[in-house]
Structures are given as structure tokens and as C-alpha cells.
Amino acid sequence: MTRVLFVCLGNICRSPTAHGVFQHCVDRAGLADLVEVDSAGTAAYHVGNSPDPRSMAAARQRGYDLSPLRARQAVEEDFDRFDYILAMDHSNLSNLKRIQPDHFGGHLGLFLEFAHQFDDVEVPDPYYGGDEGFSHVLDLVEAASEGLLAQIRQELAR
């Protein structure tokens, strides 16, 4: 089993979008029994809340359902559970590094490392912007999801 955790600040915009899109990719590839997906935030601002309605609407327009997801905070124990912990930006990556135990042997990095067709390094936070920001997040997340899935498929084939 390969386990993937997507992380942003509040776990209501970027990381649940990545969670929903990547879960869709995993399901479509027939790998749901081999890949587990989750998301979290480095802050506890929205614990227990649904994703932002704008994130859900943008995702729904592309065929993704984020409605079952609920925000939670990333914790040190996540490093024992997940193989990939992928932050949406450098700030959240730094926050994760602060709680990372020395024994973690998985991959901790930026999600957009897997989106080779974009020059973007970070998934921008669309929270304070307009609807176009949520669409751009989906563009980036879809590309990175395909790249990540390709890498996991190679690992599973070994």
C-alpha cells in the first residue's frame, strides 16, 4: 500500500482539491486497493469543516466530488503513516519539516515537483481571490496528479 497525504494551510482549498483529484485518478487507474489518499492542513483553523464552497464548485465542474472530505490538522503521526507527504507551498513545507521525526523515510516535498509541464513551484492559495484562482489550482493539481500517479505506478511495478 502506498499512502499519500496532501497538505496546505487550512485544508479547505488546495489540499482537499488535490485529495479529490488524485483519488479520482487512483480510482480510474484501478489502484484504489493499492493507494490510499488523504489531506490535512498545517493549521487547525477549519478542523471538521467541509472544503471551501468555491473549491467544491470548481471541482464539481470538472467531475470531482469533494463533499465527503473534512478538514483536519497534520500531526507528527502522519509521518509514520504516509509514504508521500506533499505540501502545496514552501511555507507549509517548512511547517511540516518542523514536526517531521528523524526516522521518516518517505518523500516530503512540494506537490508541483510532479507537474513537469508548468513552471510553477507552488500551488497558489485561491482563498482571497476570484473563481479563476480555483480553476488555476485545478489545472496545476490535475497535472501534478498525473505525474505523481506515473511515479507510483513505476514503484508498484518493481
N, C-alpha and C. Protein backbone atom coordinates (compact mmCIF):
# COMPACT_ATOMS: atom_id res chain seq x y z
N MET A 1 0.85 -1.18 0.00
CA MET A 1 0.00 0.00 0.00
C MET A 1 0.89 1.24 0.00
N THR A 2 0.62 2.14 -0.92
CA THR A 2 1.29 3.44 -0.95
C THR A 2 0.31 4.47 -0.41
N ARG A 3 0.77 5.28 0.54
CA ARG A 3 -0.11 6.26 1.17
C ARG A 3 0.38 7.67 0.87
N VAL A 4 -0.56 8.53 0.45
CA VAL A 4 -0.23 9.89 0.03
C VAL A 4 -1.05 10.89 0.85
N LEU A 5 -0.36 11.91 1.38
CA LEU A 5 -1.02 12.97 2.14
C LEU A 5 -0.71 14.31 1.47
N PHE A 6 -1.76 15.06 1.15
CA PHE A 6 -1.62 16.40 0.58
C PHE A 6 -1.86 17.41 1.69
N VAL A 7 -1.03 18.47 1.74
CA VAL A 7 -1.09 19.41 2.85
C VAL A 7 -1.04 20.86 2.36
N CYS A 8 -1.99 21.65 2.87
CA CYS A 8 -1.95 23.11 2.68
C CYS A 8 -2.13 23.74 4.06
N LEU A 9 -2.55 24.98 4.12
CA LEU A 9 -2.65 25.66 5.41
C LEU A 9 -3.88 25.23 6.21
N GLY A 10 -5.07 25.42 5.64
CA GLY A 10 -6.30 25.15 6.39
C GLY A 10 -7.04 23.90 6.00
N ASN A 11 -6.59 23.23 4.94
CA ASN A 11 -7.22 22.01 4.44
C ASN A 11 -8.66 22.24 4.00
N ILE A 12 -8.90 23.40 3.36
CA ILE A 12 -10.24 23.64 2.80
C ILE A 12 -10.21 24.03 1.31
N CYS A 13 -9.04 24.33 0.75
CA CYS A 13 -8.98 24.72 -0.67
C CYS A 13 -8.05 23.80 -1.46
N ARG A 14 -6.76 24.01 -1.30
CA ARG A 14 -5.79 23.32 -2.15
C ARG A 14 -5.63 21.83 -1.85
N SER A 15 -5.41 21.48 -0.59
CA SER A 15 -5.17 20.06 -0.30
C SER A 15 -6.41 19.18 -0.48
N PRO A 16 -7.62 19.64 -0.16
CA PRO A 16 -8.76 18.78 -0.48
C PRO A 16 -8.98 18.67 -1.99
N THR A 17 -8.64 19.72 -2.73
CA THR A 17 -8.73 19.62 -4.19
C THR A 17 -7.76 18.56 -4.69
N ALA A 18 -6.53 18.59 -4.19
CA ALA A 18 -5.55 17.57 -4.57
C ALA A 18 -6.01 16.18 -4.15
N HIS A 19 -6.57 16.08 -2.95
CA HIS A 19 -7.09 14.82 -2.44
C HIS A 19 -8.15 14.26 -3.39
N GLY A 20 -9.14 15.08 -3.72
CA GLY A 20 -10.22 14.63 -4.59
C GLY A 20 -9.78 14.28 -5.99
N VAL A 21 -8.93 15.11 -6.57
CA VAL A 21 -8.45 14.86 -7.94
C VAL A 21 -7.58 13.61 -7.98
N PHE A 22 -6.65 13.50 -7.02
CA PHE A 22 -5.76 12.33 -7.03
C PHE A 22 -6.53 11.05 -6.75
N GLN A 23 -7.50 11.11 -5.83
CA GLN A 23 -8.33 9.92 -5.56
C GLN A 23 -9.06 9.50 -6.83
N HIS A 24 -9.56 10.46 -7.58
CA HIS A 24 -10.24 10.17 -8.85
C HIS A 24 -9.27 9.47 -9.82
N CYS A 25 -8.04 9.97 -9.91
CA CYS A 25 -7.02 9.36 -10.79
C CYS A 25 -6.71 7.93 -10.35
N VAL A 26 -6.56 7.74 -9.05
CA VAL A 26 -6.27 6.41 -8.50
C VAL A 26 -7.42 5.45 -8.80
N ASP A 27 -8.64 5.90 -8.58
CA ASP A 27 -9.80 5.06 -8.84
C ASP A 27 -9.90 4.71 -10.32
N ARG A 28 -9.71 5.71 -11.18
CA ARG A 28 -9.80 5.50 -12.63
C ARG A 28 -8.73 4.51 -13.10
N ALA A 29 -7.57 4.51 -12.44
CA ALA A 29 -6.47 3.61 -12.80
C ALA A 29 -6.64 2.21 -12.21
N GLY A 30 -7.69 2.02 -11.40
CA GLY A 30 -7.93 0.72 -10.78
C GLY A 30 -6.94 0.40 -9.67
N LEU A 31 -6.42 1.43 -9.00
CA LEU A 31 -5.41 1.24 -7.97
C LEU A 31 -5.90 1.56 -6.56
N ALA A 32 -7.21 1.66 -6.38
CA ALA A 32 -7.76 2.06 -5.09
C ALA A 32 -7.37 1.10 -3.97
N ASP A 33 -7.11 -0.15 -4.29
CA ASP A 33 -6.71 -1.10 -3.26
C ASP A 33 -5.21 -1.04 -2.95
N LEU A 34 -4.47 -0.23 -3.73
CA LEU A 34 -3.02 -0.13 -3.55
C LEU A 34 -2.54 1.26 -3.14
N VAL A 35 -3.42 2.26 -3.27
CA VAL A 35 -3.03 3.65 -2.98
C VAL A 35 -4.09 4.28 -2.08
N GLU A 36 -3.65 4.79 -0.94
CA GLU A 36 -4.54 5.49 -0.01
C GLU A 36 -4.24 6.98 -0.09
N VAL A 37 -5.29 7.81 -0.06
CA VAL A 37 -5.15 9.25 -0.23
C VAL A 37 -5.82 9.97 0.95
N ASP A 38 -5.17 11.04 1.42
CA ASP A 38 -5.75 11.85 2.49
C ASP A 38 -5.23 13.28 2.31
N SER A 39 -5.77 14.18 3.10
CA SER A 39 -5.31 15.57 3.07
C SER A 39 -5.40 16.15 4.47
N ALA A 40 -4.62 17.21 4.70
CA ALA A 40 -4.59 17.85 6.02
C ALA A 40 -4.10 19.28 5.85
N GLY A 41 -4.20 20.04 6.93
CA GLY A 41 -3.68 21.40 6.96
C GLY A 41 -2.65 21.53 8.06
N THR A 42 -1.74 22.46 7.91
CA THR A 42 -0.74 22.67 8.96
C THR A 42 -1.34 23.50 10.11
N ALA A 43 -2.45 24.16 9.87
CA ALA A 43 -3.12 24.94 10.91
C ALA A 43 -4.47 24.29 11.22
N ALA A 44 -4.99 24.57 12.39
CA ALA A 44 -6.24 23.96 12.85
C ALA A 44 -7.45 24.86 12.65
N TYR A 45 -7.32 25.88 11.80
CA TYR A 45 -8.38 26.88 11.63
C TYR A 45 -9.74 26.27 11.28
N HIS A 46 -9.76 25.24 10.45
CA HIS A 46 -11.01 24.76 9.88
C HIS A 46 -11.30 23.29 10.19
N VAL A 47 -10.67 22.73 11.21
CA VAL A 47 -10.83 21.31 11.53
C VAL A 47 -12.31 20.94 11.60
N GLY A 48 -12.66 19.89 10.88
CA GLY A 48 -14.04 19.39 10.85
C GLY A 48 -14.91 20.01 9.77
N ASN A 49 -14.43 21.08 9.13
CA ASN A 49 -15.23 21.76 8.11
C ASN A 49 -15.10 21.09 6.74
N SER A 50 -16.11 21.29 5.92
CA SER A 50 -16.08 20.87 4.52
C SER A 50 -15.13 21.77 3.75
N PRO A 51 -14.70 21.34 2.56
CA PRO A 51 -13.90 22.23 1.72
C PRO A 51 -14.67 23.52 1.40
N ASP A 52 -13.92 24.55 1.06
CA ASP A 52 -14.50 25.84 0.67
C ASP A 52 -15.51 25.60 -0.46
N PRO A 53 -16.68 26.23 -0.38
CA PRO A 53 -17.70 26.03 -1.42
C PRO A 53 -17.19 26.35 -2.83
N ARG A 54 -16.28 27.30 -2.95
CA ARG A 54 -15.73 27.62 -4.27
C ARG A 54 -14.85 26.50 -4.79
N SER A 55 -14.11 25.86 -3.91
CA SER A 55 -13.30 24.69 -4.31
C SER A 55 -14.20 23.56 -4.75
N MET A 56 -15.26 23.34 -3.98
CA MET A 56 -16.19 22.25 -4.33
C MET A 56 -16.87 22.52 -5.66
N ALA A 57 -17.26 23.77 -5.91
CA ALA A 57 -17.94 24.11 -7.17
C ALA A 57 -17.01 23.95 -8.36
N ALA A 58 -15.78 24.44 -8.23
CA ALA A 58 -14.82 24.32 -9.33
C ALA A 58 -14.51 22.85 -9.62
N ALA A 59 -14.34 22.06 -8.55
CA ALA A 59 -14.06 20.64 -8.72
C ALA A 59 -15.25 19.93 -9.35
N ARG A 60 -16.45 20.26 -8.90
CA ARG A 60 -17.66 19.63 -9.44
C ARG A 60 -17.78 19.88 -10.94
N GLN A 61 -17.41 21.07 -11.40
CA GLN A 61 -17.46 21.40 -12.83
C GLN A 61 -16.57 20.48 -13.66
N ARG A 62 -15.54 19.93 -13.02
CA ARG A 62 -14.63 19.02 -13.73
C ARG A 62 -14.86 17.56 -13.37
N GLY A 63 -15.92 17.29 -12.62
CA GLY A 63 -16.28 15.91 -12.33
C GLY A 63 -15.71 15.32 -11.06
N TYR A 64 -15.24 16.16 -10.15
CA TYR A 64 -14.68 15.69 -8.88
C TYR A 64 -15.64 16.05 -7.74
N ASP A 65 -15.80 15.13 -6.80
CA ASP A 65 -16.68 15.37 -5.65
C ASP A 65 -15.85 15.50 -4.39
N LEU A 66 -15.79 16.70 -3.84
CA LEU A 66 -15.03 16.95 -2.61
C LEU A 66 -15.92 16.93 -1.36
N SER A 67 -17.23 16.76 -1.55
CA SER A 67 -18.17 16.90 -0.43
C SER A 67 -17.94 15.96 0.75
N PRO A 68 -17.41 14.74 0.54
CA PRO A 68 -17.21 13.88 1.72
C PRO A 68 -16.02 14.30 2.59
N LEU A 69 -15.16 15.16 2.10
CA LEU A 69 -13.92 15.50 2.79
C LEU A 69 -14.16 16.48 3.94
N ARG A 70 -13.38 16.33 5.00
CA ARG A 70 -13.44 17.21 6.16
C ARG A 70 -12.02 17.59 6.55
N ALA A 71 -11.85 18.84 6.92
CA ALA A 71 -10.52 19.35 7.26
C ALA A 71 -10.01 18.72 8.56
N ARG A 72 -8.71 18.48 8.56
CA ARG A 72 -8.03 18.03 9.76
C ARG A 72 -6.64 18.64 9.77
N GLN A 73 -5.99 18.58 10.90
CA GLN A 73 -4.65 19.14 11.03
C GLN A 73 -3.61 18.03 10.87
N ALA A 74 -2.53 18.33 10.16
CA ALA A 74 -1.41 17.40 10.04
C ALA A 74 -0.76 17.24 11.41
N VAL A 75 -0.37 16.02 11.72
CA VAL A 75 0.25 15.72 13.01
C VAL A 75 1.50 14.88 12.79
N GLU A 76 2.36 14.82 13.78
CA GLU A 76 3.61 14.08 13.67
C GLU A 76 3.37 12.62 13.29
N GLU A 77 2.29 12.03 13.77
CA GLU A 77 1.99 10.63 13.47
C GLU A 77 1.76 10.38 11.97
N ASP A 78 1.43 11.43 11.22
CA ASP A 78 1.26 11.27 9.77
C ASP A 78 2.55 10.78 9.11
N PHE A 79 3.68 11.12 9.69
CA PHE A 79 4.96 10.70 9.13
C PHE A 79 5.19 9.19 9.31
N ASP A 80 4.48 8.58 10.25
CA ASP A 80 4.54 7.12 10.41
C ASP A 80 3.58 6.41 9.46
N ARG A 81 2.59 7.13 8.99
CA ARG A 81 1.51 6.51 8.21
C ARG A 81 1.67 6.69 6.70
N PHE A 82 2.27 7.81 6.27
CA PHE A 82 2.27 8.14 4.84
C PHE A 82 3.65 8.01 4.21
N ASP A 83 3.66 7.57 2.95
CA ASP A 83 4.89 7.44 2.18
C ASP A 83 5.24 8.75 1.47
N TYR A 84 4.23 9.45 1.04
CA TYR A 84 4.38 10.75 0.38
C TYR A 84 3.62 11.79 1.20
N ILE A 85 4.31 12.83 1.61
CA ILE A 85 3.66 13.97 2.25
C ILE A 85 4.01 15.17 1.39
N LEU A 86 3.00 15.71 0.72
CA LEU A 86 3.22 16.71 -0.32
C LEU A 86 2.54 18.03 0.04
N ALA A 87 3.37 19.04 0.21
CA ALA A 87 2.89 20.38 0.56
C ALA A 87 2.56 21.17 -0.69
N MET A 88 1.64 22.10 -0.53
CA MET A 88 1.24 22.94 -1.65
C MET A 88 2.18 24.13 -1.86
N ASP A 89 2.92 24.51 -0.82
CA ASP A 89 3.83 25.66 -0.94
C ASP A 89 4.98 25.53 0.05
N HIS A 90 5.97 26.40 -0.09
CA HIS A 90 7.15 26.36 0.77
C HIS A 90 6.83 26.62 2.24
N SER A 91 5.88 27.49 2.50
CA SER A 91 5.53 27.81 3.89
C SER A 91 5.01 26.56 4.61
N ASN A 92 4.11 25.84 3.98
CA ASN A 92 3.57 24.63 4.60
C ASN A 92 4.60 23.52 4.63
N LEU A 93 5.50 23.48 3.66
CA LEU A 93 6.59 22.51 3.69
C LEU A 93 7.48 22.78 4.90
N SER A 94 7.77 24.04 5.16
CA SER A 94 8.56 24.40 6.35
C SER A 94 7.86 23.99 7.63
N ASN A 95 6.54 24.22 7.69
CA ASN A 95 5.77 23.81 8.86
C ASN A 95 5.82 22.30 9.07
N LEU A 96 5.76 21.55 7.98
CA LEU A 96 5.83 20.09 8.07
C LEU A 96 7.21 19.64 8.53
N LYS A 97 8.25 20.30 8.04
CA LYS A 97 9.61 19.92 8.44
C LYS A 97 9.83 20.12 9.94
N ARG A 98 9.11 21.07 10.53
CA ARG A 98 9.22 21.30 11.98
C ARG A 98 8.67 20.13 12.80
N ILE A 99 7.70 19.40 12.27
CA ILE A 99 7.13 18.28 13.02
C ILE A 99 7.61 16.93 12.50
N GLN A 100 8.44 16.93 11.46
CA GLN A 100 8.95 15.69 10.87
C GLN A 100 9.90 14.98 11.84
N PRO A 101 9.59 13.73 12.17
CA PRO A 101 10.52 12.98 13.03
C PRO A 101 11.77 12.55 12.24
N ASP A 102 12.85 12.36 12.95
CA ASP A 102 14.12 11.98 12.32
C ASP A 102 14.03 10.68 11.55
N HIS A 103 13.17 9.77 11.96
CA HIS A 103 13.11 8.44 11.34
C HIS A 103 12.28 8.39 10.04
N PHE A 104 11.66 9.51 9.65
CA PHE A 104 10.81 9.48 8.45
C PHE A 104 11.64 9.12 7.22
N GLY A 105 11.21 8.08 6.52
CA GLY A 105 11.94 7.62 5.34
C GLY A 105 11.18 7.81 4.05
N GLY A 106 10.05 8.51 4.11
CA GLY A 106 9.25 8.72 2.91
C GLY A 106 9.67 9.96 2.16
N HIS A 107 8.79 10.42 1.29
CA HIS A 107 9.05 11.60 0.46
C HIS A 107 8.28 12.78 1.03
N LEU A 108 9.01 13.79 1.47
CA LEU A 108 8.42 15.06 1.90
C LEU A 108 8.88 16.12 0.92
N GLY A 109 7.92 16.76 0.25
CA GLY A 109 8.30 17.78 -0.74
C GLY A 109 7.09 18.55 -1.21
N LEU A 110 7.30 19.29 -2.29
CA LEU A 110 6.24 20.08 -2.90
C LEU A 110 5.49 19.24 -3.93
N PHE A 111 4.19 19.36 -3.94
CA PHE A 111 3.35 18.58 -4.87
C PHE A 111 3.69 18.88 -6.32
N LEU A 112 3.99 20.14 -6.62
CA LEU A 112 4.22 20.50 -8.02
C LEU A 112 5.55 19.99 -8.58
N GLU A 113 6.34 19.30 -7.76
CA GLU A 113 7.52 18.59 -8.28
C GLU A 113 7.08 17.58 -9.36
N PHE A 114 5.84 17.17 -9.31
CA PHE A 114 5.33 16.14 -10.21
C PHE A 114 4.61 16.72 -11.43
N ALA A 115 4.51 18.05 -11.53
CA ALA A 115 3.85 18.70 -12.68
C ALA A 115 4.93 19.29 -13.58
N HIS A 116 5.42 18.49 -14.47
CA HIS A 116 6.58 18.88 -15.28
C HIS A 116 6.25 19.89 -16.38
N GLN A 117 5.00 20.06 -16.73
CA GLN A 117 4.64 20.97 -17.82
C GLN A 117 4.41 22.41 -17.35
N PHE A 118 4.54 22.66 -16.05
CA PHE A 118 4.35 24.01 -15.51
C PHE A 118 5.64 24.51 -14.90
N ASP A 119 5.84 25.82 -14.96
CA ASP A 119 6.99 26.43 -14.30
C ASP A 119 6.70 26.73 -12.84
N ASP A 120 5.43 26.69 -12.45
CA ASP A 120 5.04 26.96 -11.07
C ASP A 120 5.72 25.97 -10.13
N VAL A 121 6.12 26.45 -8.98
CA VAL A 121 6.72 25.60 -7.96
C VAL A 121 5.72 25.35 -6.84
N GLU A 122 4.83 26.32 -6.63
CA GLU A 122 3.84 26.24 -5.56
C GLU A 122 2.43 26.30 -6.14
N VAL A 123 1.51 25.64 -5.46
CA VAL A 123 0.09 25.78 -5.77
C VAL A 123 -0.38 27.02 -5.00
N PRO A 124 -0.78 28.09 -5.72
CA PRO A 124 -1.16 29.33 -5.02
C PRO A 124 -2.48 29.17 -4.26
N ASP A 125 -2.57 29.86 -3.15
CA ASP A 125 -3.78 29.81 -2.33
C ASP A 125 -4.85 30.68 -2.98
N PRO A 126 -5.98 30.09 -3.41
CA PRO A 126 -7.02 30.86 -4.09
C PRO A 126 -8.01 31.51 -3.13
N TYR A 127 -7.85 31.33 -1.84
CA TYR A 127 -8.87 31.71 -0.85
C TYR A 127 -9.32 33.16 -0.96
N TYR A 128 -8.40 34.08 -1.13
CA TYR A 128 -8.76 35.50 -1.16
C TYR A 128 -8.94 36.06 -2.57
N GLY A 129 -8.89 35.20 -3.57
CA GLY A 129 -9.04 35.65 -4.94
C GLY A 129 -10.41 35.31 -5.52
N GLY A 130 -10.49 35.43 -6.82
CA GLY A 130 -11.74 35.12 -7.52
C GLY A 130 -11.81 33.68 -7.96
N ASP A 131 -12.88 33.36 -8.67
CA ASP A 131 -13.12 31.98 -9.12
C ASP A 131 -12.02 31.46 -10.02
N GLU A 132 -11.37 32.35 -10.79
CA GLU A 132 -10.31 31.89 -11.70
C GLU A 132 -9.15 31.26 -10.95
N GLY A 133 -8.93 31.67 -9.70
CA GLY A 133 -7.87 31.07 -8.89
C GLY A 133 -8.14 29.60 -8.59
N PHE A 134 -9.39 29.26 -8.36
CA PHE A 134 -9.76 27.87 -8.09
C PHE A 134 -9.60 27.01 -9.33
N SER A 135 -9.89 27.58 -10.48
CA SER A 135 -9.69 26.88 -11.75
C SER A 135 -8.20 26.64 -12.01
N HIS A 136 -7.37 27.65 -11.73
CA HIS A 136 -5.92 27.51 -11.91
C HIS A 136 -5.37 26.43 -10.97
N VAL A 137 -5.85 26.40 -9.73
CA VAL A 137 -5.44 25.36 -8.80
C VAL A 137 -5.75 23.98 -9.39
N LEU A 138 -6.93 23.83 -9.96
CA LEU A 138 -7.29 22.55 -10.57
C LEU A 138 -6.37 22.19 -11.73
N ASP A 139 -6.01 23.17 -12.56
CA ASP A 139 -5.07 22.90 -13.66
C ASP A 139 -3.76 22.33 -13.13
N LEU A 140 -3.22 22.99 -12.11
CA LEU A 140 -1.95 22.56 -11.52
C LEU A 140 -2.07 21.19 -10.86
N VAL A 141 -3.13 21.01 -10.10
CA VAL A 141 -3.34 19.77 -9.37
C VAL A 141 -3.56 18.60 -10.32
N GLU A 142 -4.31 18.79 -11.38
CA GLU A 142 -4.52 17.71 -12.34
C GLU A 142 -3.20 17.27 -12.96
N ALA A 143 -2.36 18.23 -13.34
CA ALA A 143 -1.07 17.90 -13.95
C ALA A 143 -0.17 17.17 -12.95
N ALA A 144 -0.08 17.68 -11.73
CA ALA A 144 0.77 17.05 -10.72
C ALA A 144 0.25 15.66 -10.34
N SER A 145 -1.06 15.50 -10.33
CA SER A 145 -1.65 14.20 -10.01
C SER A 145 -1.24 13.15 -11.03
N GLU A 146 -1.26 13.52 -12.29
CA GLU A 146 -0.85 12.57 -13.33
C GLU A 146 0.62 12.19 -13.18
N GLY A 147 1.47 13.18 -12.88
CA GLY A 147 2.88 12.90 -12.68
C GLY A 147 3.14 12.03 -11.46
N LEU A 148 2.45 12.31 -10.37
CA LEU A 148 2.60 11.51 -9.16
C LEU A 148 2.10 10.09 -9.39
N LEU A 149 0.97 9.95 -10.06
CA LEU A 149 0.44 8.61 -10.33
C LEU A 149 1.41 7.81 -11.20
N ALA A 150 2.04 8.45 -12.17
CA ALA A 150 3.02 7.77 -13.01
C ALA A 150 4.19 7.25 -12.17
N GLN A 151 4.65 8.06 -11.23
CA GLN A 151 5.76 7.63 -10.37
C GLN A 151 5.34 6.47 -9.48
N ILE A 152 4.17 6.56 -8.90
CA ILE A 152 3.70 5.47 -8.02
C ILE A 152 3.49 4.20 -8.81
N ARG A 153 2.99 4.30 -10.02
CA ARG A 153 2.84 3.11 -10.87
C ARG A 153 4.18 2.44 -11.11
N GLN A 154 5.21 3.24 -11.37
CA GLN A 154 6.56 2.67 -11.57
C GLN A 154 7.02 1.95 -10.31
N GLU A 155 6.80 2.56 -9.15
CA GLU A 155 7.21 1.93 -7.90
C GLU A 155 6.45 0.64 -7.65
N LEU A 156 5.16 0.63 -7.95
CA LEU A 156 4.36 -0.57 -7.74
C LEU A 156 4.76 -1.70 -8.68
N ALA A 157 5.29 -1.35 -9.84
CA ALA A 157 5.69 -2.35 -10.84
C ALA A 157 7.00 -3.04 -10.48
N ARG A 158 7.74 -2.45 -9.56
CA ARG A 158 9.05 -3.04 -9.18
C ARG A 158 8.88 -4.30 -8.37
